[in-house]
């Protein structure tokens, strides 16, 4: 794995595309439980909201798999020195959990929708909430770096 000073253009595009698709699906999720029950019982999905949610969820999963592969190939910029060793461990832990949650969440939704696994729908809902908490921690840490530590960390993922 290579270490660079900034994320590549492809990594930035994938990052922001995942942000947009996840945010879209978070907003466009009302009635998915009802749509899933109807789809499971009848095999028919006549809900535009559900169609969009499923398509965007699959897109999020594909983008996250691509993002993981690109990160494994291209690496990631080294983190700036942390004020405390536990902060570095927390950063690595949150990134790992965020990647895992961003793959597991749409995978669980897909298992519920495409495979009819009812429990996967429940897991999907829990994972959405966990992912939101991880996103909040990720954004809070990025803002802490930018405005408290003033180390320009945000510049590494800023679109050009």
C-alpha atoms as a PDB file:
ATOM      1  CA  UNK A   1       0.000   0.000   0.000  1.00  0.00           C
ATOM      2  CA  UNK A   2       1.371   3.389  -1.024  1.00  0.00           C
ATOM      3  CA  UNK A   3       1.240   6.403   1.279  1.00  0.00           C
ATOM      4  CA  UNK A   4       0.606   9.810  -0.315  1.00  0.00           C
ATOM      5  CA  UNK A   5       0.058  13.377   0.884  1.00  0.00           C
ATOM      6  CA  UNK A   6      -3.537  13.599  -0.353  1.00  0.00           C
ATOM      7  CA  UNK A   7      -6.293  11.293  -1.495  1.00  0.00           C
ATOM      8  CA  UNK A   8      -6.403  10.721  -5.251  1.00  0.00           C
ATOM      9  CA  UNK A   9      -9.035  12.336  -7.430  1.00  0.00           C
ATOM     10  CA  UNK A  10     -10.763   8.958  -7.766  1.00  0.00           C
ATOM     11  CA  UNK A  11     -10.797   8.488  -3.989  1.00  0.00           C
ATOM     12  CA  UNK A  12     -12.336  11.941  -3.538  1.00  0.00           C
ATOM     13  CA  UNK A  13     -15.009  11.258  -6.166  1.00  0.00           C
ATOM     14  CA  UNK A  14     -15.863   7.924  -4.560  1.00  0.00           C
ATOM     15  CA  UNK A  15     -15.950   9.477  -1.069  1.00  0.00           C
ATOM     16  CA  UNK A  16     -18.332  12.273  -2.044  1.00  0.00           C
ATOM     17  CA  UNK A  17     -20.459   9.969  -4.199  1.00  0.00           C
ATOM     18  CA  UNK A  18     -20.937   7.687  -1.182  1.00  0.00           C
ATOM     19  CA  UNK A  19     -21.783  10.707   0.984  1.00  0.00           C
ATOM     20  CA  UNK A  20     -24.474  11.728  -1.517  1.00  0.00           C
ATOM     21  CA  UNK A  21     -25.932   8.248  -2.025  1.00  0.00           C
ATOM     22  CA  UNK A  22     -26.033   7.486   1.708  1.00  0.00           C
ATOM     23  CA  UNK A  23     -27.605  10.872   2.493  1.00  0.00           C
ATOM     24  CA  UNK A  24     -30.152  10.416  -0.298  1.00  0.00           C
ATOM     25  CA  UNK A  25     -31.173   7.007   0.990  1.00  0.00           C
ATOM     26  CA  UNK A  26     -31.341   8.255   4.562  1.00  0.00           C
ATOM     27  CA  UNK A  27     -33.826  10.902   3.442  1.00  0.00           C
ATOM     28  CA  UNK A  28     -35.660   8.603   1.015  1.00  0.00           C
ATOM     29  CA  UNK A  29     -36.394   5.776   3.422  1.00  0.00           C
ATOM     30  CA  UNK A  30     -39.900   6.535   4.620  1.00  0.00           C
ATOM     31  CA  UNK A  31     -42.196   3.602   4.035  1.00  0.00           C
ATOM     32  CA  UNK A  32     -39.474   1.086   3.175  1.00  0.00           C
ATOM     33  CA  UNK A  33     -40.710  -1.389   5.794  1.00  0.00           C
ATOM     34  CA  UNK A  34     -44.181  -1.327   4.266  1.00  0.00           C
ATOM     35  CA  UNK A  35     -42.738  -1.532   0.736  1.00  0.00           C
ATOM     36  CA  UNK A  36     -40.577  -4.510   1.747  1.00  0.00           C
ATOM     37  CA  UNK A  37     -43.577  -6.340   3.240  1.00  0.00           C
ATOM     38  CA  UNK A  38     -45.605  -5.705   0.071  1.00  0.00           C
ATOM     39  CA  UNK A  39     -42.722  -6.766  -2.163  1.00  0.00           C
ATOM     40  CA  UNK A  40     -42.110  -9.926  -0.097  1.00  0.00           C
ATOM     41  CA  UNK A  41     -45.805 -10.880  -0.165  1.00  0.00           C
ATOM     42  CA  UNK A  42     -46.607  -9.996  -3.795  1.00  0.00           C
ATOM     43  CA  UNK A  43     -43.286  -9.782  -5.633  1.00  0.00           C
ATOM     44  CA  UNK A  44     -44.400  -6.362  -6.887  1.00  0.00           C
ATOM     45  CA  UNK A  45     -42.676  -3.077  -6.121  1.00  0.00           C
ATOM     46  CA  UNK A  46     -44.966  -0.256  -7.238  1.00  0.00           C
ATOM     47  CA  UNK A  47     -43.415   2.329  -4.922  1.00  0.00           C
ATOM     48  CA  UNK A  48     -41.192   4.875  -6.662  1.00  0.00           C
ATOM     49  CA  UNK A  49     -39.578   5.675  -3.313  1.00  0.00           C
ATOM     50  CA  UNK A  50     -38.722   2.023  -2.729  1.00  0.00           C
ATOM     51  CA  UNK A  51     -37.387   1.625  -6.282  1.00  0.00           C
ATOM     52  CA  UNK A  52     -35.110   4.635  -5.815  1.00  0.00           C
ATOM     53  CA  UNK A  53     -34.007   3.499  -2.355  1.00  0.00           C
ATOM     54  CA  UNK A  54     -33.069   0.038  -3.620  1.00  0.00           C
ATOM     55  CA  UNK A  55     -31.230   1.336  -6.712  1.00  0.00           C
ATOM     56  CA  UNK A  56     -29.305   3.916  -4.699  1.00  0.00           C
ATOM     57  CA  UNK A  57     -28.565   1.346  -1.975  1.00  0.00           C
ATOM     58  CA  UNK A  58     -27.055  -1.042  -4.515  1.00  0.00           C
ATOM     59  CA  UNK A  59     -25.106   1.897  -5.954  1.00  0.00           C
ATOM     60  CA  UNK A  60     -23.779   2.741  -2.484  1.00  0.00           C
ATOM     61  CA  UNK A  61     -22.630  -0.850  -1.978  1.00  0.00           C
ATOM     62  CA  UNK A  62     -20.853  -0.915  -5.357  1.00  0.00           C
ATOM     63  CA  UNK A  63     -19.217   2.468  -4.693  1.00  0.00           C
ATOM     64  CA  UNK A  64     -18.029   1.319  -1.252  1.00  0.00           C
ATOM     65  CA  UNK A  65     -16.526  -1.870  -2.648  1.00  0.00           C
ATOM     66  CA  UNK A  66     -14.745   0.204  -5.304  1.00  0.00           C
ATOM     67  CA  UNK A  67     -13.656   2.651  -2.621  1.00  0.00           C
ATOM     68  CA  UNK A  68     -12.183  -0.131  -0.516  1.00  0.00           C
ATOM     69  CA  UNK A  69     -10.369  -1.646  -3.501  1.00  0.00           C
ATOM     70  CA  UNK A  70      -8.962   1.734  -4.551  1.00  0.00           C
ATOM     71  CA  UNK A  71      -7.813   2.399  -0.986  1.00  0.00           C
ATOM     72  CA  UNK A  72      -6.098  -0.980  -0.832  1.00  0.00           C
ATOM     73  CA  UNK A  73      -4.319  -0.237  -4.129  1.00  0.00           C
ATOM     74  CA  UNK A  74      -3.574   3.484  -3.726  1.00  0.00           C
ATOM     75  CA  UNK A  75      -3.313   3.704   0.055  1.00  0.00           C
ATOM     76  CA  UNK A  76      -4.247   6.692   2.144  1.00  0.00           C
ATOM     77  CA  UNK A  77      -2.353   9.789   3.221  1.00  0.00           C
ATOM     78  CA  UNK A  78      -0.591   9.472   6.545  1.00  0.00           C
ATOM     79  CA  UNK A  79      -2.473  11.058   9.392  1.00  0.00           C
ATOM     80  CA  UNK A  80      -0.888  14.131  10.951  1.00  0.00           C
ATOM     81  CA  UNK A  81       0.716  13.482  14.332  1.00  0.00           C
ATOM     82  CA  UNK A  82      -1.961  12.971  16.962  1.00  0.00           C
ATOM     83  CA  UNK A  83      -1.847  14.922  20.234  1.00  0.00           C
ATOM     84  CA  UNK A  84      -2.398  11.594  22.010  1.00  0.00           C
ATOM     85  CA  UNK A  85      -1.749   7.976  20.904  1.00  0.00           C
ATOM     86  CA  UNK A  86      -5.343   7.021  21.764  1.00  0.00           C
ATOM     87  CA  UNK A  87      -6.585   9.579  19.211  1.00  0.00           C
ATOM     88  CA  UNK A  88      -4.642   7.794  16.481  1.00  0.00           C
ATOM     89  CA  UNK A  89      -6.122   4.448  17.520  1.00  0.00           C
ATOM     90  CA  UNK A  90      -9.607   6.011  17.608  1.00  0.00           C
ATOM     91  CA  UNK A  91      -9.111   7.442  14.102  1.00  0.00           C
ATOM     92  CA  UNK A  92      -8.114   4.045  12.709  1.00  0.00           C
ATOM     93  CA  UNK A  93     -10.959   2.345  14.584  1.00  0.00           C
ATOM     94  CA  UNK A  94     -13.622   4.764  13.379  1.00  0.00           C
ATOM     95  CA  UNK A  95     -12.372   4.547   9.782  1.00  0.00           C
ATOM     96  CA  UNK A  96     -12.411   0.742   9.905  1.00  0.00           C
ATOM     97  CA  UNK A  97     -15.897   0.645  11.445  1.00  0.00           C
ATOM     98  CA  UNK A  98     -17.169   3.271   8.997  1.00  0.00           C
ATOM     99  CA  UNK A  99     -15.961   1.276   5.992  1.00  0.00           C
ATOM    100  CA  UNK A 100     -17.447  -1.917   7.477  1.00  0.00           C
ATOM    101  CA  UNK A 101     -20.774  -0.246   8.271  1.00  0.00           C
ATOM    102  CA  UNK A 102     -20.981   1.430   4.863  1.00  0.00           C
ATOM    103  CA  UNK A 103     -20.616  -1.985   3.224  1.00  0.00           C
ATOM    104  CA  UNK A 104     -22.714  -3.989   5.708  1.00  0.00           C
ATOM    105  CA  UNK A 105     -25.633  -1.532   5.741  1.00  0.00           C
ATOM    106  CA  UNK A 106     -26.574  -1.758   2.042  1.00  0.00           C
ATOM    107  CA  UNK A 107     -25.625  -5.468   2.029  1.00  0.00           C
ATOM    108  CA  UNK A 108     -28.143  -6.119   4.823  1.00  0.00           C
ATOM    109  CA  UNK A 109     -30.756  -4.035   3.007  1.00  0.00           C
ATOM    110  CA  UNK A 110     -30.084  -6.020  -0.161  1.00  0.00           C
ATOM    111  CA  UNK A 111     -30.377  -9.315   1.733  1.00  0.00           C
ATOM    112  CA  UNK A 112     -33.766  -8.204   3.049  1.00  0.00           C
ATOM    113  CA  UNK A 113     -34.998  -6.947  -0.325  1.00  0.00           C
ATOM    114  CA  UNK A 114     -33.566  -9.447  -2.797  1.00  0.00           C
ATOM    115  CA  UNK A 115     -33.345 -12.565  -0.617  1.00  0.00           C
ATOM    116  CA  UNK A 116     -36.417 -11.974   1.567  1.00  0.00           C
ATOM    117  CA  UNK A 117     -34.439 -12.341   4.798  1.00  0.00           C
ATOM    118  CA  UNK A 118     -36.689 -10.529   7.285  1.00  0.00           C
ATOM    119  CA  UNK A 119     -34.052 -10.298  10.028  1.00  0.00           C
ATOM    120  CA  UNK A 120     -31.666  -8.616   7.573  1.00  0.00           C
ATOM    121  CA  UNK A 121     -34.137  -5.718   7.370  1.00  0.00           C
ATOM    122  CA  UNK A 122     -33.935  -5.301  11.143  1.00  0.00           C
ATOM    123  CA  UNK A 123     -30.136  -5.489  10.993  1.00  0.00           C
ATOM    124  CA  UNK A 124     -30.193  -2.902   8.185  1.00  0.00           C
ATOM    125  CA  UNK A 125     -32.112  -0.462  10.409  1.00  0.00           C
ATOM    126  CA  UNK A 126     -29.677  -0.919  13.304  1.00  0.00           C
ATOM    127  CA  UNK A 127     -26.703  -0.515  10.955  1.00  0.00           C
ATOM    128  CA  UNK A 128     -28.133   2.720   9.540  1.00  0.00           C
ATOM    129  CA  UNK A 129     -28.227   4.166  13.059  1.00  0.00           C
ATOM    130  CA  UNK A 130     -24.717   2.891  13.840  1.00  0.00           C
ATOM    131  CA  UNK A 131     -23.464   4.362  10.558  1.00  0.00           C
ATOM    132  CA  UNK A 132     -24.987   7.745  11.416  1.00  0.00           C
ATOM    133  CA  UNK A 133     -23.156   7.712  14.763  1.00  0.00           C
ATOM    134  CA  UNK A 134     -19.882   6.831  13.024  1.00  0.00           C
ATOM    135  CA  UNK A 135     -20.443   9.608  10.463  1.00  0.00           C
ATOM    136  CA  UNK A 136     -21.037  12.108  13.273  1.00  0.00           C
ATOM    137  CA  UNK A 137     -17.796  10.976  14.972  1.00  0.00           C
ATOM    138  CA  UNK A 138     -15.923  11.166  11.642  1.00  0.00           C
ATOM    139  CA  UNK A 139     -17.182  14.675  10.851  1.00  0.00           C
ATOM    140  CA  UNK A 140     -16.574  15.874  14.424  1.00  0.00           C
ATOM    141  CA  UNK A 141     -12.977  14.595  14.272  1.00  0.00           C
ATOM    142  CA  UNK A 142     -12.421  16.240  10.876  1.00  0.00           C
ATOM    143  CA  UNK A 143     -13.751  19.555  12.212  1.00  0.00           C
ATOM    144  CA  UNK A 144     -11.607  19.184  15.358  1.00  0.00           C
ATOM    145  CA  UNK A 145      -8.541  18.737  13.149  1.00  0.00           C
ATOM    146  CA  UNK A 146      -9.465  21.679  10.948  1.00  0.00           C
ATOM    147  CA  UNK A 147     -10.499  24.238  13.557  1.00  0.00           C
ATOM    148  CA  UNK A 148      -8.803  23.192  16.811  1.00  0.00           C
ATOM    149  CA  UNK A 149      -5.575  21.519  15.673  1.00  0.00           C
ATOM    150  CA  UNK A 150      -5.481  23.654  12.501  1.00  0.00           C
ATOM    151  CA  UNK A 151      -3.618  20.955  10.577  1.00  0.00           C
ATOM    152  CA  UNK A 152      -5.565  21.332   7.289  1.00  0.00           C
ATOM    153  CA  UNK A 153      -6.746  17.730   7.431  1.00  0.00           C
ATOM    154  CA  UNK A 154      -9.900  18.544   5.443  1.00  0.00           C
ATOM    155  CA  UNK A 155      -7.819  19.613   2.442  1.00  0.00           C
ATOM    156  CA  UNK A 156      -6.891  15.956   1.821  1.00  0.00           C
ATOM    157  CA  UNK A 157     -10.490  15.095   0.837  1.00  0.00           C
ATOM    158  CA  UNK A 158     -11.679  18.473  -0.412  1.00  0.00           C
ATOM    159  CA  UNK A 159     -12.967  18.405  -3.992  1.00  0.00           C
ATOM    160  CA  UNK A 160     -10.926  20.548  -6.350  1.00  0.00           C
END
